[in-house]
Amino acid sequence: MFAGLFTGCLSLDNATRLWDVMVFEGDAVLVRAGVAYLTAMEGKLFGATTSKEICDTVRVGLGNMGEEEWMKNVREAGKS
């Protein structure tokens, strides 16, 4: 996720929005994005029974999550 700046697992709109925020807020937003990404898929990951299922789930991405919802999740990640 970090090596490709989330391009392999986010839609183009969500990835570019994340990059824009990273330019203004710094690279710490990438850690929050990673937490938000994994939190969004938490239910699917807990349901996985093999490491292959986990890898496939992470690679699939967030599906049709919109930009605003994605950035809301990123901003809330790590605040609790």
N, C-alpha and C. Protein backbone atom coordinates (compact mmCIF):
# COMPACT_ATOMS: atom_id res chain seq x y z
N MET A 1 0.82 -1.18 0.00
CA MET A 1 0.00 0.00 0.00
C MET A 1 0.87 1.26 0.00
N PHE A 2 1.88 1.27 0.86
CA PHE A 2 2.70 2.47 0.98
C PHE A 2 3.65 2.65 -0.20
N ALA A 3 4.21 1.57 -0.71
CA ALA A 3 5.19 1.68 -1.80
C ALA A 3 4.59 2.33 -3.03
N GLY A 4 3.35 1.99 -3.35
CA GLY A 4 2.69 2.56 -4.51
C GLY A 4 1.79 3.73 -4.18
N LEU A 5 1.92 4.27 -2.97
CA LEU A 5 1.08 5.37 -2.50
C LEU A 5 -0.40 5.07 -2.71
N PHE A 6 -0.79 3.82 -2.42
CA PHE A 6 -2.17 3.37 -2.46
C PHE A 6 -2.77 3.28 -3.86
N THR A 7 -1.96 3.39 -4.91
CA THR A 7 -2.51 3.34 -6.26
C THR A 7 -3.02 1.96 -6.64
N GLY A 8 -2.52 0.92 -6.03
CA GLY A 8 -2.96 -0.42 -6.38
C GLY A 8 -4.25 -0.85 -5.71
N CYS A 9 -4.67 -0.12 -4.69
CA CYS A 9 -5.85 -0.56 -3.94
C CYS A 9 -6.94 0.50 -3.81
N LEU A 10 -6.70 1.71 -4.30
CA LEU A 10 -7.71 2.76 -4.25
C LEU A 10 -8.12 3.16 -5.66
N SER A 11 -9.33 3.68 -5.76
CA SER A 11 -9.73 4.23 -7.05
C SER A 11 -8.87 5.45 -7.37
N LEU A 12 -8.85 5.85 -8.61
CA LEU A 12 -8.05 6.99 -9.02
C LEU A 12 -8.45 8.25 -8.24
N ASP A 13 -9.75 8.47 -8.10
CA ASP A 13 -10.22 9.65 -7.38
C ASP A 13 -9.77 9.65 -5.92
N ASN A 14 -9.90 8.51 -5.25
CA ASN A 14 -9.50 8.44 -3.85
C ASN A 14 -7.99 8.56 -3.68
N ALA A 15 -7.23 7.96 -4.59
CA ALA A 15 -5.77 8.05 -4.49
C ALA A 15 -5.28 9.48 -4.72
N THR A 16 -5.82 10.14 -5.73
CA THR A 16 -5.37 11.51 -5.99
C THR A 16 -5.80 12.46 -4.89
N ARG A 17 -6.95 12.23 -4.30
CA ARG A 17 -7.37 13.05 -3.16
C ARG A 17 -6.42 12.86 -1.99
N LEU A 18 -6.02 11.62 -1.75
CA LEU A 18 -5.06 11.33 -0.69
C LEU A 18 -3.73 12.02 -0.97
N TRP A 19 -3.28 12.01 -2.21
CA TRP A 19 -2.02 12.67 -2.56
C TRP A 19 -2.11 14.17 -2.32
N ASP A 20 -3.25 14.76 -2.68
CA ASP A 20 -3.43 16.20 -2.44
C ASP A 20 -3.32 16.53 -0.96
N VAL A 21 -3.97 15.73 -0.14
CA VAL A 21 -3.92 15.95 1.31
C VAL A 21 -2.50 15.74 1.82
N MET A 22 -1.79 14.75 1.29
CA MET A 22 -0.43 14.48 1.71
C MET A 22 0.49 15.67 1.43
N VAL A 23 0.29 16.34 0.31
CA VAL A 23 1.11 17.50 -0.03
C VAL A 23 0.96 18.58 1.02
N PHE A 24 -0.26 18.80 1.49
CA PHE A 24 -0.52 19.87 2.45
C PHE A 24 -0.26 19.48 3.90
N GLU A 25 -0.53 18.22 4.25
CA GLU A 25 -0.44 17.79 5.65
C GLU A 25 0.81 16.98 5.96
N GLY A 26 1.54 16.55 4.95
CA GLY A 26 2.74 15.75 5.17
C GLY A 26 2.47 14.27 5.08
N ASP A 27 3.56 13.50 5.18
CA ASP A 27 3.45 12.06 4.97
C ASP A 27 2.82 11.30 6.13
N ALA A 28 2.58 11.94 7.25
CA ALA A 28 1.91 11.27 8.37
C ALA A 28 0.49 10.85 7.99
N VAL A 29 -0.08 11.52 7.00
CA VAL A 29 -1.43 11.16 6.56
C VAL A 29 -1.45 9.76 5.94
N LEU A 30 -0.31 9.29 5.44
CA LEU A 30 -0.26 7.94 4.86
C LEU A 30 -0.49 6.87 5.92
N VAL A 31 0.02 7.09 7.11
CA VAL A 31 -0.22 6.13 8.20
C VAL A 31 -1.69 6.11 8.55
N ARG A 32 -2.30 7.29 8.67
CA ARG A 32 -3.73 7.36 8.96
C ARG A 32 -4.54 6.71 7.84
N ALA A 33 -4.09 6.88 6.59
CA ALA A 33 -4.77 6.27 5.46
C ALA A 33 -4.69 4.74 5.54
N GLY A 34 -3.54 4.23 5.93
CA GLY A 34 -3.40 2.78 6.10
C GLY A 34 -4.33 2.24 7.17
N VAL A 35 -4.42 2.95 8.28
CA VAL A 35 -5.33 2.54 9.36
C VAL A 35 -6.77 2.62 8.87
N ALA A 36 -7.13 3.69 8.17
CA ALA A 36 -8.50 3.85 7.67
C ALA A 36 -8.83 2.76 6.65
N TYR A 37 -7.88 2.44 5.80
CA TYR A 37 -8.08 1.41 4.78
C TYR A 37 -8.36 0.05 5.42
N LEU A 38 -7.52 -0.32 6.38
CA LEU A 38 -7.71 -1.62 7.04
C LEU A 38 -8.95 -1.64 7.92
N THR A 39 -9.29 -0.51 8.53
CA THR A 39 -10.50 -0.44 9.35
C THR A 39 -11.74 -0.60 8.48
N ALA A 40 -11.73 -0.02 7.29
CA ALA A 40 -12.88 -0.14 6.39
C ALA A 40 -13.12 -1.58 5.96
N MET A 41 -12.06 -2.38 5.94
CA MET A 41 -12.20 -3.78 5.53
C MET A 41 -12.15 -4.75 6.70
N GLU A 42 -12.26 -4.24 7.90
CA GLU A 42 -12.10 -5.05 9.10
C GLU A 42 -12.99 -6.28 9.11
N GLY A 43 -14.26 -6.13 8.80
CA GLY A 43 -15.19 -7.26 8.81
C GLY A 43 -14.79 -8.35 7.84
N LYS A 44 -14.41 -7.95 6.62
CA LYS A 44 -13.98 -8.93 5.62
C LYS A 44 -12.69 -9.62 6.05
N LEU A 45 -11.78 -8.87 6.66
CA LEU A 45 -10.52 -9.46 7.07
C LEU A 45 -10.71 -10.45 8.21
N PHE A 46 -11.60 -10.14 9.15
CA PHE A 46 -11.87 -11.08 10.24
C PHE A 46 -12.53 -12.35 9.73
N GLY A 47 -13.26 -12.26 8.62
CA GLY A 47 -13.91 -13.43 8.04
C GLY A 47 -12.99 -14.30 7.21
N ALA A 48 -11.82 -13.81 6.88
CA ALA A 48 -10.88 -14.58 6.06
C ALA A 48 -10.29 -15.72 6.87
N THR A 49 -10.11 -16.86 6.22
CA THR A 49 -9.58 -18.03 6.92
C THR A 49 -8.16 -18.40 6.49
N THR A 50 -7.71 -17.84 5.38
CA THR A 50 -6.35 -18.14 4.92
C THR A 50 -5.61 -16.84 4.61
N SER A 51 -4.31 -16.93 4.56
CA SER A 51 -3.52 -15.74 4.23
C SER A 51 -3.79 -15.28 2.80
N LYS A 52 -4.11 -16.21 1.90
CA LYS A 52 -4.43 -15.84 0.52
C LYS A 52 -5.71 -15.01 0.49
N GLU A 53 -6.70 -15.37 1.28
CA GLU A 53 -7.94 -14.59 1.33
C GLU A 53 -7.67 -13.19 1.86
N ILE A 54 -6.80 -13.08 2.84
CA ILE A 54 -6.45 -11.75 3.38
C ILE A 54 -5.78 -10.91 2.31
N CYS A 55 -4.80 -11.47 1.62
CA CYS A 55 -4.11 -10.74 0.55
C CYS A 55 -5.08 -10.33 -0.55
N ASP A 56 -5.97 -11.22 -0.94
CA ASP A 56 -6.94 -10.89 -1.98
C ASP A 56 -7.88 -9.78 -1.53
N THR A 57 -8.31 -9.82 -0.29
CA THR A 57 -9.20 -8.79 0.25
C THR A 57 -8.53 -7.43 0.25
N VAL A 58 -7.28 -7.38 0.67
CA VAL A 58 -6.56 -6.11 0.72
C VAL A 58 -6.31 -5.57 -0.69
N ARG A 59 -6.05 -6.46 -1.64
CA ARG A 59 -5.79 -6.03 -3.02
C ARG A 59 -7.04 -5.50 -3.72
N VAL A 60 -8.20 -6.05 -3.37
CA VAL A 60 -9.44 -5.64 -4.03
C VAL A 60 -9.73 -4.17 -3.79
N GLY A 61 -9.47 -3.69 -2.61
CA GLY A 61 -9.67 -2.28 -2.32
C GLY A 61 -11.00 -2.00 -1.67
N LEU A 62 -11.36 -0.74 -1.70
CA LEU A 62 -12.54 -0.26 -0.99
C LEU A 62 -13.81 -0.32 -1.82
N GLY A 63 -13.71 -0.72 -3.05
CA GLY A 63 -14.90 -0.78 -3.89
C GLY A 63 -15.34 0.61 -4.32
N ASN A 64 -16.58 0.93 -4.07
CA ASN A 64 -17.13 2.19 -4.56
C ASN A 64 -17.22 3.28 -3.48
N MET A 65 -16.35 3.25 -2.50
CA MET A 65 -16.37 4.28 -1.47
C MET A 65 -16.03 5.63 -2.10
N GLY A 66 -16.84 6.64 -1.84
CA GLY A 66 -16.65 7.97 -2.41
C GLY A 66 -15.50 8.71 -1.76
N GLU A 67 -15.07 9.77 -2.42
CA GLU A 67 -13.94 10.57 -1.93
C GLU A 67 -14.19 11.16 -0.55
N GLU A 68 -15.36 11.73 -0.37
CA GLU A 68 -15.66 12.39 0.90
C GLU A 68 -15.69 11.40 2.05
N GLU A 69 -16.31 10.25 1.83
CA GLU A 69 -16.35 9.22 2.88
C GLU A 69 -14.95 8.70 3.18
N TRP A 70 -14.14 8.50 2.13
CA TRP A 70 -12.77 8.03 2.29
C TRP A 70 -11.95 9.01 3.12
N MET A 71 -12.03 10.30 2.77
CA MET A 71 -11.24 11.29 3.49
C MET A 71 -11.75 11.48 4.92
N LYS A 72 -13.04 11.32 5.13
CA LYS A 72 -13.58 11.37 6.50
C LYS A 72 -12.98 10.23 7.32
N ASN A 73 -12.92 9.04 6.75
CA ASN A 73 -12.33 7.89 7.44
C ASN A 73 -10.85 8.12 7.72
N VAL A 74 -10.13 8.72 6.78
CA VAL A 74 -8.69 8.99 6.97
C VAL A 74 -8.51 9.98 8.11
N ARG A 75 -9.29 11.03 8.12
CA ARG A 75 -9.15 12.06 9.16
C ARG A 75 -9.52 11.54 10.55
N GLU A 76 -10.45 10.59 10.61
CA GLU A 76 -10.86 10.04 11.90
C GLU A 76 -9.96 8.90 12.40
N ALA A 77 -9.15 8.35 11.51
CA ALA A 77 -8.30 7.21 11.86
C ALA A 77 -7.28 7.62 12.93
N GLY A 78 -7.23 6.84 13.97
CA GLY A 78 -6.25 7.07 15.02
C GLY A 78 -6.64 8.11 16.05
N LYS A 79 -7.85 8.64 15.97
CA LYS A 79 -8.27 9.67 16.92
C LYS A 79 -8.89 9.10 18.19
N SER A 80 -9.27 7.82 18.18
CA SER A 80 -9.93 7.28 19.37
C SER A 80 -8.97 6.63 20.31
